[in-house]
């Protein structure tokens, strides 16, 4: 099934990366469409998708801190920092 993403207003676009030391997880949330697509390719299906109607308005991934390969791929290929 093809995913349909809804673009957020430019002033409401956000990406949050949290390190949850207690759970040993890197948690990534974004509502930026291009980044959601890239993270879906690099990290796989998100743990949670926020849906409004038939459109995805945000996605959240959780990556174990010990999974250094996925974290490296995310930083290098997904361009989360827009470098």
PDB file of N, CA and C in Angstrom:
ATOM      1  N   UNK A   1       0.838  -1.182   0.000  1.00  0.00           N
ATOM      2  CA  UNK A   1       0.000   0.000   0.000  1.00  0.00           C
ATOM      3  C   UNK A   1       0.886   1.250   0.000  1.00  0.00           C
ATOM      4  N   UNK A   2       0.579   2.192  -0.848  1.00  0.00           N
ATOM      5  CA  UNK A   2       1.344   3.434  -0.939  1.00  0.00           C
ATOM      6  C   UNK A   2       0.984   4.344   0.229  1.00  0.00           C
ATOM      7  N   UNK A   3       2.024   4.882   0.848  1.00  0.00           N
ATOM      8  CA  UNK A   3       1.810   5.784   1.973  1.00  0.00           C
ATOM      9  C   UNK A   3       1.544   7.189   1.456  1.00  0.00           C
ATOM     10  N   UNK A   4       0.596   7.844   2.063  1.00  0.00           N
ATOM     11  CA  UNK A   4       0.263   9.220   1.715  1.00  0.00           C
ATOM     12  C   UNK A   4       0.667  10.103   2.893  1.00  0.00           C
ATOM     13  N   UNK A   5       1.570  11.036   2.635  1.00  0.00           N
ATOM     14  CA  UNK A   5       2.049  11.938   3.679  1.00  0.00           C
ATOM     15  C   UNK A   5       1.427  13.310   3.487  1.00  0.00           C
ATOM     16  N   UNK A   6       1.080  13.947   4.589  1.00  0.00           N
ATOM     17  CA  UNK A   6       0.530  15.303   4.538  1.00  0.00           C
ATOM     18  C   UNK A   6       1.619  16.257   5.005  1.00  0.00           C
ATOM     19  N   UNK A   7       1.912  17.263   4.162  1.00  0.00           N
ATOM     20  CA  UNK A   7       2.929  18.252   4.519  1.00  0.00           C
ATOM     21  C   UNK A   7       2.407  19.168   5.626  1.00  0.00           C
ATOM     22  N   UNK A   8       3.265  19.418   6.593  1.00  0.00           N
ATOM     23  CA  UNK A   8       2.942  20.361   7.668  1.00  0.00           C
ATOM     24  C   UNK A   8       3.259  21.770   7.182  1.00  0.00           C
ATOM     25  N   UNK A   9       2.644  22.752   7.810  1.00  0.00           N
ATOM     26  CA  UNK A   9       3.010  24.134   7.519  1.00  0.00           C
ATOM     27  C   UNK A   9       4.491  24.291   7.822  1.00  0.00           C
ATOM     28  N   UNK A  10       5.184  25.090   7.026  1.00  0.00           N
ATOM     29  CA  UNK A  10       6.637  25.245   7.182  1.00  0.00           C
ATOM     30  C   UNK A  10       7.007  25.685   8.604  1.00  0.00           C
ATOM     31  N   UNK A  11       6.177  26.504   9.233  1.00  0.00           N
ATOM     32  CA  UNK A  11       6.474  26.971  10.591  1.00  0.00           C
ATOM     33  C   UNK A  11       6.210  25.884  11.640  1.00  0.00           C
ATOM     34  N   UNK A  12       5.506  24.818  11.258  1.00  0.00           N
ATOM     35  CA  UNK A  12       5.187  23.733  12.190  1.00  0.00           C
ATOM     36  C   UNK A  12       6.010  22.473  11.934  1.00  0.00           C
ATOM     37  N   UNK A  13       6.935  22.536  10.975  1.00  0.00           N
ATOM     38  CA  UNK A  13       7.765  21.380  10.661  1.00  0.00           C
ATOM     39  C   UNK A  13       8.775  21.179  11.778  1.00  0.00           C
ATOM     40  N   UNK A  14       8.883  19.913  12.243  1.00  0.00           N
ATOM     41  CA  UNK A  14       9.826  19.647  13.323  1.00  0.00           C
ATOM     42  C   UNK A  14      10.390  18.238  13.225  1.00  0.00           C
ATOM     43  N   UNK A  15      11.587  18.105  13.747  1.00  0.00           N
ATOM     44  CA  UNK A  15      12.235  16.811  13.907  1.00  0.00           C
ATOM     45  C   UNK A  15      12.860  16.809  15.295  1.00  0.00           C
ATOM     46  N   UNK A  16      12.552  15.774  16.058  1.00  0.00           N
ATOM     47  CA  UNK A  16      13.065  15.664  17.417  1.00  0.00           C
ATOM     48  C   UNK A  16      13.829  14.360  17.552  1.00  0.00           C
ATOM     49  N   UNK A  17      15.056  14.451  18.058  1.00  0.00           N
ATOM     50  CA  UNK A  17      15.874  13.267  18.318  1.00  0.00           C
ATOM     51  C   UNK A  17      16.155  13.258  19.817  1.00  0.00           C
ATOM     52  N   UNK A  18      15.715  12.204  20.487  1.00  0.00           N
ATOM     53  CA  UNK A  18      15.915  12.073  21.933  1.00  0.00           C
ATOM     54  C   UNK A  18      16.728  10.822  22.230  1.00  0.00           C
ATOM     55  N   UNK A  19      17.652  10.954  23.147  1.00  0.00           N
ATOM     56  CA  UNK A  19      18.406   9.798  23.633  1.00  0.00           C
ATOM     57  C   UNK A  19      17.793   9.420  24.974  1.00  0.00           C
ATOM     58  N   UNK A  20      17.173   8.245  25.016  1.00  0.00           N
ATOM     59  CA  UNK A  20      16.553   7.745  26.238  1.00  0.00           C
ATOM     60  C   UNK A  20      17.532   6.762  26.880  1.00  0.00           C
ATOM     61  N   UNK A  21      18.369   7.288  27.764  1.00  0.00           N
ATOM     62  CA  UNK A  21      19.445   6.495  28.348  1.00  0.00           C
ATOM     63  C   UNK A  21      18.922   5.323  29.165  1.00  0.00           C
ATOM     64  N   UNK A  22      17.855   5.536  29.923  1.00  0.00           N
ATOM     65  CA  UNK A  22      17.293   4.465  30.748  1.00  0.00           C
ATOM     66  C   UNK A  22      16.821   3.288  29.920  1.00  0.00           C
ATOM     67  N   UNK A  23      16.178   3.590  28.795  1.00  0.00           N
ATOM     68  CA  UNK A  23      15.659   2.540  27.915  1.00  0.00           C
ATOM     69  C   UNK A  23      16.680   2.109  26.864  1.00  0.00           C
ATOM     70  N   UNK A  24      17.798   2.844  26.790  1.00  0.00           N
ATOM     71  CA  UNK A  24      18.859   2.584  25.797  1.00  0.00           C
ATOM     72  C   UNK A  24      18.300   2.638  24.372  1.00  0.00           C
ATOM     73  N   UNK A  25      17.584   3.731  24.102  1.00  0.00           N
ATOM     74  CA  UNK A  25      16.912   3.911  22.812  1.00  0.00           C
ATOM     75  C   UNK A  25      17.174   5.314  22.276  1.00  0.00           C
ATOM     76  N   UNK A  26      17.335   5.406  20.962  1.00  0.00           N
ATOM     77  CA  UNK A  26      17.355   6.677  20.258  1.00  0.00           C
ATOM     78  C   UNK A  26      15.972   6.830  19.647  1.00  0.00           C
ATOM     79  N   UNK A  27      15.242   7.850  20.049  1.00  0.00           N
ATOM     80  CA  UNK A  27      13.873   8.067  19.586  1.00  0.00           C
ATOM     81  C   UNK A  27      13.871   9.235  18.607  1.00  0.00           C
ATOM     82  N   UNK A  28      13.315   9.010  17.416  1.00  0.00           N
ATOM     83  CA  UNK A  28      13.280  10.048  16.377  1.00  0.00           C
ATOM     84  C   UNK A  28      11.828  10.284  15.979  1.00  0.00           C
ATOM     85  N   UNK A  29      11.393  11.549  16.032  1.00  0.00           N
ATOM     86  CA  UNK A  29      10.061  11.933  15.562  1.00  0.00           C
ATOM     87  C   UNK A  29      10.240  13.019  14.512  1.00  0.00           C
ATOM     88  N   UNK A  30       9.474  12.926  13.430  1.00  0.00           N
ATOM     89  CA  UNK A  30       9.470  13.994  12.441  1.00  0.00           C
ATOM     90  C   UNK A  30       8.115  14.075  11.761  1.00  0.00           C
ATOM     91  N   UNK A  31       7.786  15.291  11.331  1.00  0.00           N
ATOM     92  CA  UNK A  31       6.596  15.468  10.504  1.00  0.00           C
ATOM     93  C   UNK A  31       7.000  16.034   9.133  1.00  0.00           C
ATOM     94  N   UNK A  32       8.289  15.990   8.845  1.00  0.00           N
ATOM     95  CA  UNK A  32       8.799  16.451   7.560  1.00  0.00           C
ATOM     96  C   UNK A  32       8.702  15.294   6.553  1.00  0.00           C
ATOM     97  N   UNK A  33       7.940  15.486   5.497  1.00  0.00           N
ATOM     98  CA  UNK A  33       7.621  14.416   4.552  1.00  0.00           C
ATOM     99  C   UNK A  33       8.865  13.768   3.956  1.00  0.00           C
ATOM    100  N   UNK A  34       9.795  14.562   3.446  1.00  0.00           N
ATOM    101  CA  UNK A  34      10.987  14.006   2.795  1.00  0.00           C
ATOM    102  C   UNK A  34      11.797  13.163   3.775  1.00  0.00           C
ATOM    103  N   UNK A  35      11.912  13.635   5.004  1.00  0.00           N
ATOM    104  CA  UNK A  35      12.679  12.915   6.012  1.00  0.00           C
ATOM    105  C   UNK A  35      11.968  11.631   6.427  1.00  0.00           C
ATOM    106  N   UNK A  36      10.644  11.669   6.501  1.00  0.00           N
ATOM    107  CA  UNK A  36       9.891  10.454   6.825  1.00  0.00           C
ATOM    108  C   UNK A  36      10.150   9.373   5.781  1.00  0.00           C
ATOM    109  N   UNK A  37      10.168   9.749   4.532  1.00  0.00           N
ATOM    110  CA  UNK A  37      10.430   8.782   3.448  1.00  0.00           C
ATOM    111  C   UNK A  37      11.839   8.213   3.556  1.00  0.00           C
ATOM    112  N   UNK A  38      12.822   9.080   3.803  1.00  0.00           N
ATOM    113  CA  UNK A  38      14.209   8.629   3.911  1.00  0.00           C
ATOM    114  C   UNK A  38      14.400   7.711   5.120  1.00  0.00           C
ATOM    115  N   UNK A  39      13.839   8.096   6.257  1.00  0.00           N
ATOM    116  CA  UNK A  39      13.975   7.267   7.455  1.00  0.00           C
ATOM    117  C   UNK A  39      13.271   5.928   7.280  1.00  0.00           C
ATOM    118  N   UNK A  40      12.179   5.931   6.549  1.00  0.00           N
ATOM    119  CA  UNK A  40      11.480   4.680   6.263  1.00  0.00           C
ATOM    120  C   UNK A  40      12.378   3.737   5.467  1.00  0.00           C
ATOM    121  N   UNK A  41      13.156   4.283   4.523  1.00  0.00           N
ATOM    122  CA  UNK A  41      14.089   3.468   3.736  1.00  0.00           C
ATOM    123  C   UNK A  41      15.241   2.958   4.593  1.00  0.00           C
ATOM    124  N   UNK A  42      15.805   3.839   5.421  1.00  0.00           N
ATOM    125  CA  UNK A  42      17.005   3.519   6.197  1.00  0.00           C
ATOM    126  C   UNK A  42      16.686   2.676   7.440  1.00  0.00           C
ATOM    127  N   UNK A  43      15.642   3.057   8.180  1.00  0.00           N
ATOM    128  CA  UNK A  43      15.340   2.405   9.455  1.00  0.00           C
ATOM    129  C   UNK A  43      14.216   1.380   9.373  1.00  0.00           C
ATOM    130  N   UNK A  44      13.463   1.399   8.289  1.00  0.00           N
ATOM    131  CA  UNK A  44      12.316   0.500   8.181  1.00  0.00           C
ATOM    132  C   UNK A  44      11.053   1.171   8.685  1.00  0.00           C
ATOM    133  N   UNK A  45      10.050   0.373   8.885  1.00  0.00           N
ATOM    134  CA  UNK A  45       8.754   0.898   9.329  1.00  0.00           C
ATOM    135  C   UNK A  45       8.879   1.603  10.679  1.00  0.00           C
ATOM    136  N   UNK A  46       8.200   2.740  10.836  1.00  0.00           N
ATOM    137  CA  UNK A  46       8.240   3.448  12.121  1.00  0.00           C
ATOM    138  C   UNK A  46       7.482   2.673  13.198  1.00  0.00           C
ATOM    139  N   UNK A  47       7.847   2.939  14.435  1.00  0.00           N
ATOM    140  CA  UNK A  47       7.134   2.314  15.556  1.00  0.00           C
ATOM    141  C   UNK A  47       5.711   2.858  15.629  1.00  0.00           C
ATOM    142  N   UNK A  48       5.546   4.146  15.310  1.00  0.00           N
ATOM    143  CA  UNK A  48       4.222   4.777  15.372  1.00  0.00           C
ATOM    144  C   UNK A  48       4.085   5.770  14.228  1.00  0.00           C
ATOM    145  N   UNK A  49       2.919   5.763  13.598  1.00  0.00           N
ATOM    146  CA  UNK A  49       2.582   6.766  12.585  1.00  0.00           C
ATOM    147  C   UNK A  49       1.359   7.527  13.072  1.00  0.00           C
ATOM    148  N   UNK A  50       1.440   8.838  13.004  1.00  0.00           N
ATOM    149  CA  UNK A  50       0.326   9.686  13.405  1.00  0.00           C
ATOM    150  C   UNK A  50      -0.474   9.984  12.146  1.00  0.00           C
ATOM    151  N   UNK A  51      -1.750   9.618  12.164  1.00  0.00           N
ATOM    152  CA  UNK A  51      -2.571   9.689  10.956  1.00  0.00           C
ATOM    153  C   UNK A  51      -3.751  10.625  11.176  1.00  0.00           C
ATOM    154  N   UNK A  52      -4.018  11.428  10.155  1.00  0.00           N
ATOM    155  CA  UNK A  52      -5.204  12.293  10.144  1.00  0.00           C
ATOM    156  C   UNK A  52      -5.919  12.002   8.836  1.00  0.00           C
ATOM    157  N   UNK A  53      -7.120  11.482   8.928  1.00  0.00           N
ATOM    158  CA  UNK A  53      -7.828  11.055   7.723  1.00  0.00           C
ATOM    159  C   UNK A  53      -7.104   9.859   7.128  1.00  0.00           C
ATOM    160  N   UNK A  54      -6.668   9.980   5.878  1.00  0.00           N
ATOM    161  CA  UNK A  54      -5.917   8.906   5.231  1.00  0.00           C
ATOM    162  C   UNK A  54      -4.442   9.260   5.087  1.00  0.00           C
ATOM    163  N   UNK A  55      -4.025  10.390   5.647  1.00  0.00           N
ATOM    164  CA  UNK A  55      -2.653  10.872   5.472  1.00  0.00           C
ATOM    165  C   UNK A  55      -1.833  10.721   6.747  1.00  0.00           C
ATOM    166  N   UNK A  56      -0.560  10.440   6.565  1.00  0.00           N
ATOM    167  CA  UNK A  56       0.381  10.361   7.677  1.00  0.00           C
ATOM    168  C   UNK A  56       0.889  11.780   7.944  1.00  0.00           C
ATOM    169  N   UNK A  57       0.725  12.242   9.181  1.00  0.00           N
ATOM    170  CA  UNK A  57       1.163  13.606   9.504  1.00  0.00           C
ATOM    171  C   UNK A  57       2.434  13.619  10.348  1.00  0.00           C
ATOM    172  N   UNK A  58       2.904  12.446  10.775  1.00  0.00           N
ATOM    173  CA  UNK A  58       4.142  12.348  11.542  1.00  0.00           C
ATOM    174  C   UNK A  58       4.487  10.893  11.792  1.00  0.00           C
ATOM    175  N   UNK A  59       5.767  10.635  12.028  1.00  0.00           N
ATOM    176  CA  UNK A  59       6.229   9.272  12.279  1.00  0.00           C
ATOM    177  C   UNK A  59       7.267   9.267  13.384  1.00  0.00           C
ATOM    178  N   UNK A  60       7.325   8.146  14.113  1.00  0.00           N
ATOM    179  CA  UNK A  60       8.260   8.004  15.216  1.00  0.00           C
ATOM    180  C   UNK A  60       8.978   6.658  15.117  1.00  0.00           C
ATOM    181  N   UNK A  61      10.297   6.698  15.218  1.00  0.00           N
ATOM    182  CA  UNK A  61      11.132   5.486  15.196  1.00  0.00           C
ATOM    183  C   UNK A  61      11.854   5.369  16.515  1.00  0.00           C
ATOM    184  N   UNK A  62      12.134   4.139  16.922  1.00  0.00           N
ATOM    185  CA  UNK A  62      12.964   3.882  18.093  1.00  0.00           C
ATOM    186  C   UNK A  62      14.063   2.932  17.666  1.00  0.00           C
ATOM    187  N   UNK A  63      15.309   3.352  17.867  1.00  0.00           N
ATOM    188  CA  UNK A  63      16.473   2.557  17.482  1.00  0.00           C
ATOM    189  C   UNK A  63      17.279   2.254  18.740  1.00  0.00           C
ATOM    190  N   UNK A  64      17.564   0.975  19.009  1.00  0.00           N
ATOM    191  CA  UNK A  64      18.399   0.650  20.166  1.00  0.00           C
ATOM    192  C   UNK A  64      19.774   1.318  20.037  1.00  0.00           C
ATOM    193  N   UNK A  65      20.288   1.859  21.129  1.00  0.00           N
ATOM    194  CA  UNK A  65      21.584   2.535  21.096  1.00  0.00           C
ATOM    195  C   UNK A  65      22.713   1.588  20.689  1.00  0.00           C
ATOM    196  N   UNK A  66      22.544   0.289  20.917  1.00  0.00           N
ATOM    197  CA  UNK A  66      23.589  -0.665  20.541  1.00  0.00           C
ATOM    198  C   UNK A  66      23.610  -0.936  19.038  1.00  0.00           C
ATOM    199  N   UNK A  67      22.580  -0.485  18.302  1.00  0.00           N
ATOM    200  CA  UNK A  67      22.518  -0.704  16.853  1.00  0.00           C
ATOM    201  C   UNK A  67      23.244   0.430  16.126  1.00  0.00           C
ATOM    202  N   UNK A  68      24.561   0.416  16.239  1.00  0.00           N
ATOM    203  CA  UNK A  68      25.405   1.495  15.702  1.00  0.00           C
ATOM    204  C   UNK A  68      25.303   1.602  14.179  1.00  0.00           C
ATOM    205  N   UNK A  69      25.101   0.490  13.490  1.00  0.00           N
ATOM    206  CA  UNK A  69      25.017   0.501  12.021  1.00  0.00           C
ATOM    207  C   UNK A  69      23.800   1.304  11.571  1.00  0.00           C
ATOM    208  N   UNK A  70      22.640   1.046  12.180  1.00  0.00           N
ATOM    209  CA  UNK A  70      21.431   1.792  11.806  1.00  0.00           C
ATOM    210  C   UNK A  70      21.579   3.275  12.132  1.00  0.00           C
ATOM    211  N   UNK A  71      22.164   3.566  13.286  1.00  0.00           N
ATOM    212  CA  UNK A  71      22.334   4.966  13.691  1.00  0.00           C
ATOM    213  C   UNK A  71      23.278   5.672  12.714  1.00  0.00           C
ATOM    214  N   UNK A  72      24.359   5.009  12.320  1.00  0.00           N
ATOM    215  CA  UNK A  72      25.294   5.594  11.353  1.00  0.00           C
ATOM    216  C   UNK A  72      24.619   5.830  10.003  1.00  0.00           C
ATOM    217  N   UNK A  73      23.867   4.842   9.535  1.00  0.00           N
ATOM    218  CA  UNK A  73      23.157   4.987   8.258  1.00  0.00           C
ATOM    219  C   UNK A  73      22.173   6.146   8.322  1.00  0.00           C
ATOM    220  N   UNK A  74      21.478   6.266   9.448  1.00  0.00           N
ATOM    221  CA  UNK A  74      20.496   7.335   9.595  1.00  0.00           C
ATOM    222  C   UNK A  74      21.176   8.697   9.490  1.00  0.00           C
ATOM    223  N   UNK A  75      22.296   8.855  10.166  1.00  0.00           N
ATOM    224  CA  UNK A  75      22.987  10.146  10.162  1.00  0.00           C
ATOM    225  C   UNK A  75      23.570  10.440   8.778  1.00  0.00           C
ATOM    226  N   UNK A  76      24.152   9.428   8.137  1.00  0.00           N
ATOM    227  CA  UNK A  76      24.804   9.632   6.844  1.00  0.00           C
ATOM    228  C   UNK A  76      23.830   9.719   5.666  1.00  0.00           C
ATOM    229  N   UNK A  77      22.843   8.824   5.631  1.00  0.00           N
ATOM    230  CA  UNK A  77      21.980   8.729   4.447  1.00  0.00           C
ATOM    231  C   UNK A  77      20.683   9.522   4.547  1.00  0.00           C
ATOM    232  N   UNK A  78      20.109   9.608   5.738  1.00  0.00           N
ATOM    233  CA  UNK A  78      18.812  10.280   5.867  1.00  0.00           C
ATOM    234  C   UNK A  78      18.942  11.789   5.953  1.00  0.00           C
ATOM    235  N   UNK A  79      20.150  12.294   6.185  1.00  0.00           N
ATOM    236  CA  UNK A  79      20.399  13.731   6.212  1.00  0.00           C
ATOM    237  C   UNK A  79      19.457  14.448   7.200  1.00  0.00           C
ATOM    238  N   UNK A  80      19.366  13.920   8.421  1.00  0.00           N
ATOM    239  CA  UNK A  80      18.443  14.507   9.389  1.00  0.00           C
ATOM    240  C   UNK A  80      18.845  15.914   9.817  1.00  0.00           C
ATOM    241  N   UNK A  81      20.119  16.239   9.631  1.00  0.00           N
ATOM    242  CA  UNK A  81      20.588  17.574  10.018  1.00  0.00           C
ATOM    243  C   UNK A  81      20.630  18.526   8.819  1.00  0.00           C
ATOM    244  N   UNK A  82      20.206  18.046   7.666  1.00  0.00           N
ATOM    245  CA  UNK A  82      20.194  18.847   6.428  1.00  0.00           C
ATOM    246  C   UNK A  82      21.549  19.466   6.131  1.00  0.00           C
ATOM    247  N   UNK A  83      22.603  18.655   6.244  1.00  0.00           N
ATOM    248  CA  UNK A  83      23.968  19.144   5.958  1.00  0.00           C
ATOM    249  C   UNK A  83      24.267  19.026   4.483  1.00  0.00           C
TER     250      UNK A  83
END
